[in-house]
Amino acid sequence: MLREDVAEVSCVGCGYCCIRNTCTFGVAKHPHDRERICPELEWTGARYTCKLMAPTNKLADFYRTELQAGGGCRSFNNPWRNDIRERAEDEAVPVRGDTPWPPSPDRS
């Protein structure tokens, strides 16, 4: 798997990683929401954050450690990094399927 140097590419909160693959903890907490954007992924108006890692959650440090949060973006050539906004369910579906990247607007 190709990965960018995480020291040079910090997380921008675009939500791509969590929308592409809901983490084990999100699936365990919301088993019936596997085909939707994880309910723990929250749009703040500027970026996505994970409610499991919120300071008010007693297990936040555990989740951060296990999921290597803060380690930087690991999605090579992630097209959402330059378009940080709240994503609709219909945008998430192709990302979760066999298509690794969302279709560009000029393609049908």
PDB file of N, CA and C in Angstrom:
ATOM      1  N   MET A   1       0.837  -1.170   0.000  1.00  0.00           N
ATOM      2  CA  MET A   1       0.000   0.000   0.000  1.00  0.00           C
ATOM      3  C   MET A   1       0.887   1.241   0.000  1.00  0.00           C
ATOM      4  N   LEU A   2       0.561   2.190  -0.830  1.00  0.00           N
ATOM      5  CA  LEU A   2       1.304   3.440  -0.880  1.00  0.00           C
ATOM      6  C   LEU A   2       0.762   4.391   0.169  1.00  0.00           C
ATOM      7  N   ARG A   3       1.638   5.027   0.884  1.00  0.00           N
ATOM      8  CA  ARG A   3       1.224   5.994   1.897  1.00  0.00           C
ATOM      9  C   ARG A   3       2.116   7.216   1.821  1.00  0.00           C
ATOM     10  N   GLU A   4       1.502   8.370   2.031  1.00  0.00           N
ATOM     11  CA  GLU A   4       2.279   9.597   2.071  1.00  0.00           C
ATOM     12  C   GLU A   4       3.048   9.633   3.382  1.00  0.00           C
ATOM     13  N   ASP A   5       4.081  10.417   3.430  1.00  0.00           N
ATOM     14  CA  ASP A   5       4.847  10.596   4.655  1.00  0.00           C
ATOM     15  C   ASP A   5       3.957  11.325   5.657  1.00  0.00           C
ATOM     16  N   VAL A   6       3.538  10.639   6.714  1.00  0.00           N
ATOM     17  CA  VAL A   6       2.593  11.233   7.666  1.00  0.00           C
ATOM     18  C   VAL A   6       3.174  12.433   8.394  1.00  0.00           C
ATOM     19  N   ALA A   7       4.488  12.538   8.447  1.00  0.00           N
ATOM     20  CA  ALA A   7       5.095  13.692   9.095  1.00  0.00           C
ATOM     21  C   ALA A   7       4.813  14.973   8.299  1.00  0.00           C
ATOM     22  N   GLU A   8       4.597  14.837   6.997  1.00  0.00           N
ATOM     23  CA  GLU A   8       4.379  15.995   6.146  1.00  0.00           C
ATOM     24  C   GLU A   8       2.916  16.267   5.822  1.00  0.00           C
ATOM     25  N   VAL A   9       2.018  15.309   6.100  1.00  0.00           N
ATOM     26  CA  VAL A   9       0.623  15.443   5.706  1.00  0.00           C
ATOM     27  C   VAL A   9      -0.267  15.305   6.928  1.00  0.00           C
ATOM     28  N   SER A  10      -0.647  16.418   7.511  1.00  0.00           N
ATOM     29  CA  SER A  10      -1.490  16.355   8.705  1.00  0.00           C
ATOM     30  C   SER A  10      -2.947  16.152   8.321  1.00  0.00           C
ATOM     31  N   CYS A  11      -3.716  15.646   9.264  1.00  0.00           N
ATOM     32  CA  CYS A  11      -5.144  15.434   9.052  1.00  0.00           C
ATOM     33  C   CYS A  11      -5.826  16.792   8.929  1.00  0.00           C
ATOM     34  N   VAL A  12      -6.701  16.910   7.927  1.00  0.00           N
ATOM     35  CA  VAL A  12      -7.432  18.165   7.733  1.00  0.00           C
ATOM     36  C   VAL A  12      -8.901  18.037   8.129  1.00  0.00           C
ATOM     37  N   GLY A  13      -9.319  16.831   8.560  1.00  0.00           N
ATOM     38  CA  GLY A  13     -10.691  16.627   9.002  1.00  0.00           C
ATOM     39  C   GLY A  13     -11.698  16.558   7.872  1.00  0.00           C
ATOM     40  N   CYS A  14     -11.281  16.018   6.712  1.00  0.00           N
ATOM     41  CA  CYS A  14     -12.183  15.943   5.561  1.00  0.00           C
ATOM     42  C   CYS A  14     -13.194  14.809   5.684  1.00  0.00           C
ATOM     43  N   GLY A  15     -12.950  13.839   6.553  1.00  0.00           N
ATOM     44  CA  GLY A  15     -13.879  12.742   6.788  1.00  0.00           C
ATOM     45  C   GLY A  15     -13.693  11.537   5.887  1.00  0.00           C
ATOM     46  N   TYR A  16     -12.810  11.638   4.908  1.00  0.00           N
ATOM     47  CA  TYR A  16     -12.654  10.558   3.929  1.00  0.00           C
ATOM     48  C   TYR A  16     -12.360   9.205   4.583  1.00  0.00           C
ATOM     49  N   CYS A  17     -11.398   9.158   5.468  1.00  0.00           N
ATOM     50  CA  CYS A  17     -10.990   7.882   6.068  1.00  0.00           C
ATOM     51  C   CYS A  17     -12.145   7.209   6.805  1.00  0.00           C
ATOM     52  N   CYS A  18     -12.843   7.976   7.615  1.00  0.00           N
ATOM     53  CA  CYS A  18     -13.931   7.410   8.413  1.00  0.00           C
ATOM     54  C   CYS A  18     -15.147   7.060   7.561  1.00  0.00           C
ATOM     55  N   ILE A  19     -15.370   7.800   6.497  1.00  0.00           N
ATOM     56  CA  ILE A  19     -16.484   7.483   5.609  1.00  0.00           C
ATOM     57  C   ILE A  19     -16.136   6.258   4.761  1.00  0.00           C
ATOM     58  N   ARG A  20     -14.899   6.159   4.333  1.00  0.00           N
ATOM     59  CA  ARG A  20     -14.456   5.011   3.521  1.00  0.00           C
ATOM     60  C   ARG A  20     -14.551   3.716   4.321  1.00  0.00           C
ATOM     61  N   ASN A  21     -14.061   3.737   5.557  1.00  0.00           N
ATOM     62  CA  ASN A  21     -14.058   2.547   6.412  1.00  0.00           C
ATOM     63  C   ASN A  21     -14.400   2.949   7.840  1.00  0.00           C
ATOM     64  N   THR A  22     -15.599   2.652   8.259  1.00  0.00           N
ATOM     65  CA  THR A  22     -15.968   2.917   9.647  1.00  0.00           C
ATOM     66  C   THR A  22     -15.093   2.039  10.535  1.00  0.00           C
ATOM     67  N   CYS A  23     -14.549   2.610  11.592  1.00  0.00           N
ATOM     68  CA  CYS A  23     -13.646   1.866  12.470  1.00  0.00           C
ATOM     69  C   CYS A  23     -14.406   0.771  13.226  1.00  0.00           C
ATOM     70  N   THR A  24     -13.667  -0.139  13.796  1.00  0.00           N
ATOM     71  CA  THR A  24     -14.227  -1.250  14.550  1.00  0.00           C
ATOM     72  C   THR A  24     -15.122  -0.764  15.677  1.00  0.00           C
ATOM     73  N   PHE A  25     -14.717   0.314  16.329  1.00  0.00           N
ATOM     74  CA  PHE A  25     -15.486   0.824  17.463  1.00  0.00           C
ATOM     75  C   PHE A  25     -16.812   1.438  17.001  1.00  0.00           C
ATOM     76  N   GLY A  26     -16.782   2.126  15.872  1.00  0.00           N
ATOM     77  CA  GLY A  26     -18.011   2.685  15.309  1.00  0.00           C
ATOM     78  C   GLY A  26     -18.974   1.597  14.881  1.00  0.00           C
ATOM     79  N   VAL A  27     -18.447   0.534  14.274  1.00  0.00           N
ATOM     80  CA  VAL A  27     -19.283  -0.595  13.850  1.00  0.00           C
ATOM     81  C   VAL A  27     -19.866  -1.296  15.073  1.00  0.00           C
ATOM     82  N   ALA A  28     -19.057  -1.488  16.110  1.00  0.00           N
ATOM     83  CA  ALA A  28     -19.538  -2.163  17.321  1.00  0.00           C
ATOM     84  C   ALA A  28     -20.638  -1.351  18.011  1.00  0.00           C
ATOM     85  N   LYS A  29     -20.481  -0.048  18.007  1.00  0.00           N
ATOM     86  CA  LYS A  29     -21.469   0.802  18.680  1.00  0.00           C
ATOM     87  C   LYS A  29     -22.731   0.989  17.836  1.00  0.00           C
ATOM     88  N   HIS A  30     -22.591   0.939  16.520  1.00  0.00           N
ATOM     89  CA  HIS A  30     -23.722   1.175  15.610  1.00  0.00           C
ATOM     90  C   HIS A  30     -23.782   0.079  14.535  1.00  0.00           C
ATOM     91  N   PRO A  31     -24.040  -1.165  14.923  1.00  0.00           N
ATOM     92  CA  PRO A  31     -24.006  -2.260  13.943  1.00  0.00           C
ATOM     93  C   PRO A  31     -25.051  -2.139  12.838  1.00  0.00           C
ATOM     94  N   HIS A  32     -26.127  -1.443  13.085  1.00  0.00           N
ATOM     95  CA  HIS A  32     -27.184  -1.319  12.073  1.00  0.00           C
ATOM     96  C   HIS A  32     -26.951  -0.154  11.118  1.00  0.00           C
ATOM     97  N   ASP A  33     -25.905   0.614  11.351  1.00  0.00           N
ATOM     98  CA  ASP A  33     -25.612   1.785  10.516  1.00  0.00           C
ATOM     99  C   ASP A  33     -24.407   1.561   9.618  1.00  0.00           C
ATOM    100  N   ARG A  34     -24.071   0.318   9.326  1.00  0.00           N
ATOM    101  CA  ARG A  34     -22.863   0.010   8.546  1.00  0.00           C
ATOM    102  C   ARG A  34     -22.885   0.578   7.136  1.00  0.00           C
ATOM    103  N   GLU A  35     -24.053   0.772   6.572  1.00  0.00           N
ATOM    104  CA  GLU A  35     -24.155   1.289   5.206  1.00  0.00           C
ATOM    105  C   GLU A  35     -24.365   2.796   5.172  1.00  0.00           C
ATOM    106  N   ARG A  36     -24.203   3.445   6.301  1.00  0.00           N
ATOM    107  CA  ARG A  36     -24.375   4.893   6.381  1.00  0.00           C
ATOM    108  C   ARG A  36     -23.092   5.519   6.920  1.00  0.00           C
ATOM    109  N   ILE A  37     -23.024   6.835   6.857  1.00  0.00           N
ATOM    110  CA  ILE A  37     -21.916   7.545   7.496  1.00  0.00           C
ATOM    111  C   ILE A  37     -22.030   7.289   8.997  1.00  0.00           C
ATOM    112  N   CYS A  38     -20.936   6.933   9.631  1.00  0.00           N
ATOM    113  CA  CYS A  38     -20.930   6.596  11.057  1.00  0.00           C
ATOM    114  C   CYS A  38     -21.550   7.718  11.884  1.00  0.00           C
ATOM    115  N   PRO A  39     -22.506   7.388  12.769  1.00  0.00           N
ATOM    116  CA  PRO A  39     -23.112   8.407  13.630  1.00  0.00           C
ATOM    117  C   PRO A  39     -22.122   9.093  14.575  1.00  0.00           C
ATOM    118  N   GLU A  40     -20.961   8.477  14.783  1.00  0.00           N
ATOM    119  CA  GLU A  40     -19.941   9.087  15.641  1.00  0.00           C
ATOM    120  C   GLU A  40     -19.123  10.152  14.900  1.00  0.00           C
ATOM    121  N   LEU A  41     -19.222  10.176  13.587  1.00  0.00           N
ATOM    122  CA  LEU A  41     -18.517  11.177  12.791  1.00  0.00           C
ATOM    123  C   LEU A  41     -19.375  12.432  12.737  1.00  0.00           C
ATOM    124  N   GLU A  42     -18.834  13.524  13.225  1.00  0.00           N
ATOM    125  CA  GLU A  42     -19.619  14.751  13.374  1.00  0.00           C
ATOM    126  C   GLU A  42     -18.991  15.899  12.584  1.00  0.00           C
ATOM    127  N   TRP A  43     -19.812  16.593  11.820  1.00  0.00           N
ATOM    128  CA  TRP A  43     -19.385  17.785  11.088  1.00  0.00           C
ATOM    129  C   TRP A  43     -19.504  18.973  12.034  1.00  0.00           C
ATOM    130  N   THR A  44     -18.419  19.715  12.238  1.00  0.00           N
ATOM    131  CA  THR A  44     -18.416  20.836  13.181  1.00  0.00           C
ATOM    132  C   THR A  44     -18.715  22.172  12.516  1.00  0.00           C
ATOM    133  N   GLY A  45     -18.833  22.170  11.199  1.00  0.00           N
ATOM    134  CA  GLY A  45     -18.990  23.406  10.450  1.00  0.00           C
ATOM    135  C   GLY A  45     -17.695  23.792   9.759  1.00  0.00           C
ATOM    136  N   ALA A  46     -16.592  23.173  10.193  1.00  0.00           N
ATOM    137  CA  ALA A  46     -15.288  23.446   9.588  1.00  0.00           C
ATOM    138  C   ALA A  46     -14.526  22.171   9.244  1.00  0.00           C
ATOM    139  N   ARG A  47     -14.833  21.074   9.945  1.00  0.00           N
ATOM    140  CA  ARG A  47     -14.143  19.806   9.745  1.00  0.00           C
ATOM    141  C   ARG A  47     -14.928  18.688  10.405  1.00  0.00           C
ATOM    142  N   TYR A  48     -14.560  17.448  10.102  1.00  0.00           N
ATOM    143  CA  TYR A  48     -15.158  16.293  10.770  1.00  0.00           C
ATOM    144  C   TYR A  48     -14.341  15.948  12.008  1.00  0.00           C
ATOM    145  N   THR A  49     -15.037  15.536  13.047  1.00  0.00           N
ATOM    146  CA  THR A  49     -14.397  15.020  14.252  1.00  0.00           C
ATOM    147  C   THR A  49     -15.139  13.751  14.665  1.00  0.00           C
ATOM    148  N   CYS A  50     -14.497  12.953  15.492  1.00  0.00           N
ATOM    149  CA  CYS A  50     -15.095  11.715  15.974  1.00  0.00           C
ATOM    150  C   CYS A  50     -15.562  11.918  17.411  1.00  0.00           C
ATOM    151  N   LYS A  51     -16.842  11.671  17.650  1.00  0.00           N
ATOM    152  CA  LYS A  51     -17.388  11.838  19.001  1.00  0.00           C
ATOM    153  C   LYS A  51     -16.806  10.833  19.986  1.00  0.00           C
ATOM    154  N   LEU A  52     -16.310   9.698  19.476  1.00  0.00           N
ATOM    155  CA  LEU A  52     -15.674   8.726  20.369  1.00  0.00           C
ATOM    156  C   LEU A  52     -14.414   9.308  21.008  1.00  0.00           C
ATOM    157  N   MET A  53     -13.789  10.252  20.318  1.00  0.00           N
ATOM    158  CA  MET A  53     -12.540  10.843  20.802  1.00  0.00           C
ATOM    159  C   MET A  53     -12.739  12.196  21.483  1.00  0.00           C
ATOM    160  N   ALA A  54     -13.985  12.552  21.721  1.00  0.00           N
ATOM    161  CA  ALA A  54     -14.282  13.833  22.366  1.00  0.00           C
ATOM    162  C   ALA A  54     -13.748  13.839  23.801  1.00  0.00           C
ATOM    163  N   PRO A  55     -13.269  14.978  24.268  1.00  0.00           N
ATOM    164  CA  PRO A  55     -12.722  15.053  25.624  1.00  0.00           C
ATOM    165  C   PRO A  55     -13.707  14.607  26.714  1.00  0.00           C
ATOM    166  N   THR A  56     -14.990  14.682  26.442  1.00  0.00           N
ATOM    167  CA  THR A  56     -15.992  14.287  27.429  1.00  0.00           C
ATOM    168  C   THR A  56     -16.166  12.768  27.525  1.00  0.00           C
ATOM    169  N   ASN A  57     -15.613  12.023  26.564  1.00  0.00           N
ATOM    170  CA  ASN A  57     -15.716  10.570  26.568  1.00  0.00           C
ATOM    171  C   ASN A  57     -14.594   9.986  27.428  1.00  0.00           C
ATOM    172  N   LYS A  58     -14.947   9.183  28.406  1.00  0.00           N
ATOM    173  CA  LYS A  58     -13.956   8.599  29.314  1.00  0.00           C
ATOM    174  C   LYS A  58     -12.957   7.687  28.603  1.00  0.00           C
ATOM    175  N   LEU A  59     -13.352   7.117  27.477  1.00  0.00           N
ATOM    176  CA  LEU A  59     -12.473   6.217  26.725  1.00  0.00           C
ATOM    177  C   LEU A  59     -11.773   6.897  25.543  1.00  0.00           C
ATOM    178  N   ALA A  60     -11.844   8.212  25.479  1.00  0.00           N
ATOM    179  CA  ALA A  60     -11.281   8.952  24.340  1.00  0.00           C
ATOM    180  C   ALA A  60      -9.802   8.653  24.119  1.00  0.00           C
ATOM    181  N   ASP A  61      -9.017   8.623  25.171  1.00  0.00           N
ATOM    182  CA  ASP A  61      -7.579   8.350  25.022  1.00  0.00           C
ATOM    183  C   ASP A  61      -7.347   6.944  24.472  1.00  0.00           C
ATOM    184  N   PHE A  62      -8.141   5.988  24.933  1.00  0.00           N
ATOM    185  CA  PHE A  62      -8.037   4.619  24.425  1.00  0.00           C
ATOM    186  C   PHE A  62      -8.331   4.595  22.926  1.00  0.00           C
ATOM    187  N   TYR A  63      -9.438   5.232  22.504  1.00  0.00           N
ATOM    188  CA  TYR A  63      -9.797   5.255  21.077  1.00  0.00           C
ATOM    189  C   TYR A  63      -8.719   5.950  20.250  1.00  0.00           C
ATOM    190  N   ARG A  64      -8.199   7.074  20.742  1.00  0.00           N
ATOM    191  CA  ARG A  64      -7.152   7.798  20.014  1.00  0.00           C
ATOM    192  C   ARG A  64      -5.920   6.923  19.808  1.00  0.00           C
ATOM    193  N   THR A  65      -5.525   6.220  20.856  1.00  0.00           N
ATOM    194  CA  THR A  65      -4.349   5.352  20.778  1.00  0.00           C
ATOM    195  C   THR A  65      -4.585   4.192  19.815  1.00  0.00           C
ATOM    196  N   GLU A  66      -5.694   3.509  19.972  1.00  0.00           N
ATOM    197  CA  GLU A  66      -5.982   2.339  19.138  1.00  0.00           C
ATOM    198  C   GLU A  66      -6.142   2.695  17.659  1.00  0.00           C
ATOM    199  N   LEU A  67      -6.713   3.861  17.380  1.00  0.00           N
ATOM    200  CA  LEU A  67      -6.952   4.269  15.997  1.00  0.00           C
ATOM    201  C   LEU A  67      -5.838   5.145  15.441  1.00  0.00           C
ATOM    202  N   GLN A  68      -4.800   5.349  16.238  1.00  0.00           N
ATOM    203  CA  GLN A  68      -3.645   6.159  15.846  1.00  0.00           C
ATOM    204  C   GLN A  68      -4.056   7.550  15.386  1.00  0.00           C
ATOM    205  N   ALA A  69      -5.002   8.126  16.092  1.00  0.00           N
ATOM    206  CA  ALA A  69      -5.457   9.481  15.773  1.00  0.00           C
ATOM    207  C   ALA A  69      -4.324  10.470  16.009  1.00  0.00           C
ATOM    208  N   GLY A  70      -4.245  11.445  15.147  1.00  0.00           N
ATOM    209  CA  GLY A  70      -3.200  12.456  15.258  1.00  0.00           C
ATOM    210  C   GLY A  70      -1.930  12.075  14.521  1.00  0.00           C
ATOM    211  N   GLY A  71      -1.922  10.901  13.905  1.00  0.00           N
ATOM    212  CA  GLY A  71      -0.741  10.431  13.195  1.00  0.00           C
ATOM    213  C   GLY A  71      -0.622  10.983  11.787  1.00  0.00           C
ATOM    214  N   GLY A  72      -1.624  11.688  11.323  1.00  0.00           N
ATOM    215  CA  GLY A  72      -1.576  12.272   9.989  1.00  0.00           C
ATOM    216  C   GLY A  72      -2.401  11.492   8.992  1.00  0.00           C
ATOM    217  N   CYS A  73      -2.631  12.116   7.862  1.00  0.00           N
ATOM    218  CA  CYS A  73      -3.436  11.520   6.796  1.00  0.00           C
ATOM    219  C   CYS A  73      -2.683  10.356   6.173  1.00  0.00           C
ATOM    220  N   ARG A  74      -3.394   9.251   5.982  1.00  0.00           N
ATOM    221  CA  ARG A  74      -2.791   8.072   5.364  1.00  0.00           C
ATOM    222  C   ARG A  74      -3.473   7.707   4.062  1.00  0.00           C
ATOM    223  N   SER A  75      -4.315   8.566   3.556  1.00  0.00           N
ATOM    224  CA  SER A  75      -5.010   8.297   2.298  1.00  0.00           C
ATOM    225  C   SER A  75      -4.254   8.949   1.157  1.00  0.00           C
ATOM    226  N   PHE A  76      -3.525   8.138   0.427  1.00  0.00           N
ATOM    227  CA  PHE A  76      -2.701   8.609  -0.665  1.00  0.00           C
ATOM    228  C   PHE A  76      -3.554   9.314  -1.720  1.00  0.00           C
ATOM    229  N   ASN A  77      -3.165  10.520  -2.092  1.00  0.00           N
ATOM    230  CA  ASN A  77      -3.880  11.315  -3.100  1.00  0.00           C
ATOM    231  C   ASN A  77      -5.366  11.499  -2.801  1.00  0.00           C
ATOM    232  N   ASN A  78      -5.711  11.648  -1.556  1.00  0.00           N
ATOM    233  CA  ASN A  78      -7.094  11.812  -1.146  1.00  0.00           C
ATOM    234  C   ASN A  78      -7.688  13.064  -1.793  1.00  0.00           C
ATOM    235  N   PRO A  79      -8.707  12.906  -2.651  1.00  0.00           N
ATOM    236  CA  PRO A  79      -9.273  14.070  -3.354  1.00  0.00           C
ATOM    237  C   PRO A  79     -10.111  14.980  -2.465  1.00  0.00           C
ATOM    238  N   TRP A  80     -10.527  14.495  -1.305  1.00  0.00           N
ATOM    239  CA  TRP A  80     -11.345  15.324  -0.416  1.00  0.00           C
ATOM    240  C   TRP A  80     -10.510  16.301   0.402  1.00  0.00           C
ATOM    241  N   ARG A  81      -9.194  16.100   0.483  1.00  0.00           N
ATOM    242  CA  ARG A  81      -8.339  16.976   1.300  1.00  0.00           C
ATOM    243  C   ARG A  81      -8.451  18.444   0.890  1.00  0.00           C
ATOM    244  N   ASN A  82      -8.694  18.687  -0.390  1.00  0.00           N
ATOM    245  CA  ASN A  82      -8.778  20.068  -0.885  1.00  0.00           C
ATOM    246  C   ASN A  82     -10.210  20.572  -0.982  1.00  0.00           C
ATOM    247  N   ASP A  83     -11.156  19.778  -0.518  1.00  0.00           N
ATOM    248  CA  ASP A  83     -12.568  20.143  -0.586  1.00  0.00           C
ATOM    249  C   ASP A  83     -13.242  19.717   0.721  1.00  0.00           C
ATOM    250  N   ILE A  84     -12.867  20.366   1.806  1.00  0.00           N
ATOM    251  CA  ILE A  84     -13.359  19.999   3.128  1.00  0.00           C
ATOM    252  C   ILE A  84     -14.731  20.622   3.337  1.00  0.00           C
ATOM    253  N   ARG A  85     -15.736  19.741   3.405  1.00  0.00           N
ATOM    254  CA  ARG A  85     -17.115  20.178   3.608  1.00  0.00           C
ATOM    255  C   ARG A  85     -17.925  18.992   4.088  1.00  0.00           C
ATOM    256  N   GLU A  86     -19.119  19.264   4.553  1.00  0.00           N
ATOM    257  CA  GLU A  86     -19.995  18.183   4.981  1.00  0.00           C
ATOM    258  C   GLU A  86     -20.404  17.358   3.765  1.00  0.00           C
ATOM    259  N   ARG A  87     -20.351  16.057   3.904  1.00  0.00           N
ATOM    260  CA  ARG A  87     -20.663  15.143   2.805  1.00  0.00           C
ATOM    261  C   ARG A  87     -22.053  14.545   2.976  1.00  0.00           C
ATOM    262  N   ALA A  88     -22.768  14.445   1.869  1.00  0.00           N
ATOM    263  CA  ALA A  88     -24.089  13.830   1.871  1.00  0.00           C
ATOM    264  C   ALA A  88     -23.934  12.316   1.716  1.00  0.00           C
ATOM    265  N   GLU A  89     -24.956  11.590   2.114  1.00  0.00           N
ATOM    266  CA  GLU A  89     -24.943  10.131   2.000  1.00  0.00           C
ATOM    267  C   GLU A  89     -24.650   9.670   0.579  1.00  0.00           C
ATOM    268  N   ASP A  90     -25.205  10.376  -0.421  1.00  0.00           N
ATOM    269  CA  ASP A  90     -24.989   9.945  -1.804  1.00  0.00           C
ATOM    270  C   ASP A  90     -23.530  10.108  -2.242  1.00  0.00           C
ATOM    271  N   GLU A  91     -22.782  10.992  -1.606  1.00  0.00           N
ATOM    272  CA  GLU A  91     -21.349  11.120  -1.901  1.00  0.00           C
ATOM    273  C   GLU A  91     -20.552  10.011  -1.223  1.00  0.00           C
ATOM    274  N   ALA A  92     -21.061   9.523  -0.110  1.00  0.00           N
ATOM    275  CA  ALA A  92     -20.356   8.502   0.660  1.00  0.00           C
ATOM    276  C   ALA A  92     -20.480   7.122   0.039  1.00  0.00           C
ATOM    277  N   VAL A  93     -21.583   6.841  -0.630  1.00  0.00           N
ATOM    278  CA  VAL A  93     -21.824   5.505  -1.182  1.00  0.00           C
ATOM    279  C   VAL A  93     -20.720   5.053  -2.132  1.00  0.00           C
ATOM    280  N   PRO A  94     -20.321   5.839  -3.144  1.00  0.00           N
ATOM    281  CA  PRO A  94     -19.263   5.351  -4.039  1.00  0.00           C
ATOM    282  C   PRO A  94     -17.922   5.172  -3.334  1.00  0.00           C
ATOM    283  N   VAL A  95     -17.668   5.926  -2.300  1.00  0.00           N
ATOM    284  CA  VAL A  95     -16.412   5.826  -1.569  1.00  0.00           C
ATOM    285  C   VAL A  95     -16.352   4.520  -0.791  1.00  0.00           C
ATOM    286  N   ARG A  96     -17.495   4.059  -0.272  1.00  0.00           N
ATOM    287  CA  ARG A  96     -17.548   2.813   0.478  1.00  0.00           C
ATOM    288  C   ARG A  96     -17.602   1.581  -0.410  1.00  0.00           C
ATOM    289  N   GLY A  97     -17.966   1.762  -1.680  1.00  0.00           N
ATOM    290  CA  GLY A  97     -18.070   0.625  -2.591  1.00  0.00           C
ATOM    291  C   GLY A  97     -16.716   0.239  -3.149  1.00  0.00           C
ATOM    292  N   ASP A  98     -16.737  -0.355  -4.302  1.00  0.00           N
ATOM    293  CA  ASP A  98     -15.496  -0.804  -4.928  1.00  0.00           C
ATOM    294  C   ASP A  98     -14.707   0.327  -5.564  1.00  0.00           C
ATOM    295  N   THR A  99     -15.327   1.481  -5.731  1.00  0.00           N
ATOM    296  CA  THR A  99     -14.649   2.617  -6.334  1.00  0.00           C
ATOM    297  C   THR A  99     -13.833   3.325  -5.256  1.00  0.00           C
ATOM    298  N   PRO A 100     -12.505   3.355  -5.382  1.00  0.00           N
ATOM    299  CA  PRO A 100     -11.706   3.946  -4.316  1.00  0.00           C
ATOM    300  C   PRO A 100     -11.830   5.461  -4.212  1.00  0.00           C
ATOM    301  N   TRP A 101     -12.230   6.147  -5.278  1.00  0.00           N
ATOM    302  CA  TRP A 101     -12.334   7.604  -5.228  1.00  0.00           C
ATOM    303  C   TRP A 101     -13.688   8.029  -5.754  1.00  0.00           C
ATOM    304  N   PRO A 102     -14.224   9.108  -5.253  1.00  0.00           N
ATOM    305  CA  PRO A 102     -15.493   9.578  -5.782  1.00  0.00           C
ATOM    306  C   PRO A 102     -15.339  10.018  -7.242  1.00  0.00           C
ATOM    307  N   PRO A 103     -16.384   9.879  -8.057  1.00  0.00           N
ATOM    308  CA  PRO A 103     -16.260  10.301  -9.444  1.00  0.00           C
ATOM    309  C   PRO A 103     -16.073  11.819  -9.513  1.00  0.00           C
ATOM    310  N   SER A 104     -15.312  12.257 -10.488  1.00  0.00           N
ATOM    311  CA  SER A 104     -15.129  13.700 -10.654  1.00  0.00           C
ATOM    312  C   SER A 104     -16.400  14.297 -11.235  1.00  0.00           C
ATOM    313  N   PRO A 105     -16.672  15.575 -10.977  1.00  0.00           N
ATOM    314  CA  PRO A 105     -17.923  16.188 -11.430  1.00  0.00           C
ATOM    315  C   PRO A 105     -18.133  16.143 -12.932  1.00  0.00           C
ATOM    316  N   ASP A 106     -17.067  16.101 -13.725  1.00  0.00           N
ATOM    317  CA  ASP A 106     -17.217  16.121 -15.174  1.00  0.00           C
ATOM    318  C   ASP A 106     -17.548  14.740 -15.767  1.00  0.00           C
ATOM    319  N   ARG A 107     -17.473  13.670 -14.940  1.00  0.00           N
ATOM    320  CA  ARG A 107     -17.826  12.326 -15.412  1.00  0.00           C
ATOM    321  C   ARG A 107     -19.271  12.014 -15.066  1.00  0.00           C
ATOM    322  N   SER A 108     -19.917  11.173 -15.870  1.00  0.00           N
ATOM    323  CA  SER A 108     -21.286  10.785 -15.527  1.00  0.00           C
ATOM    324  C   SER A 108     -21.349   9.376 -15.054  1.00  0.00           C
TER     325      SER A 108
END
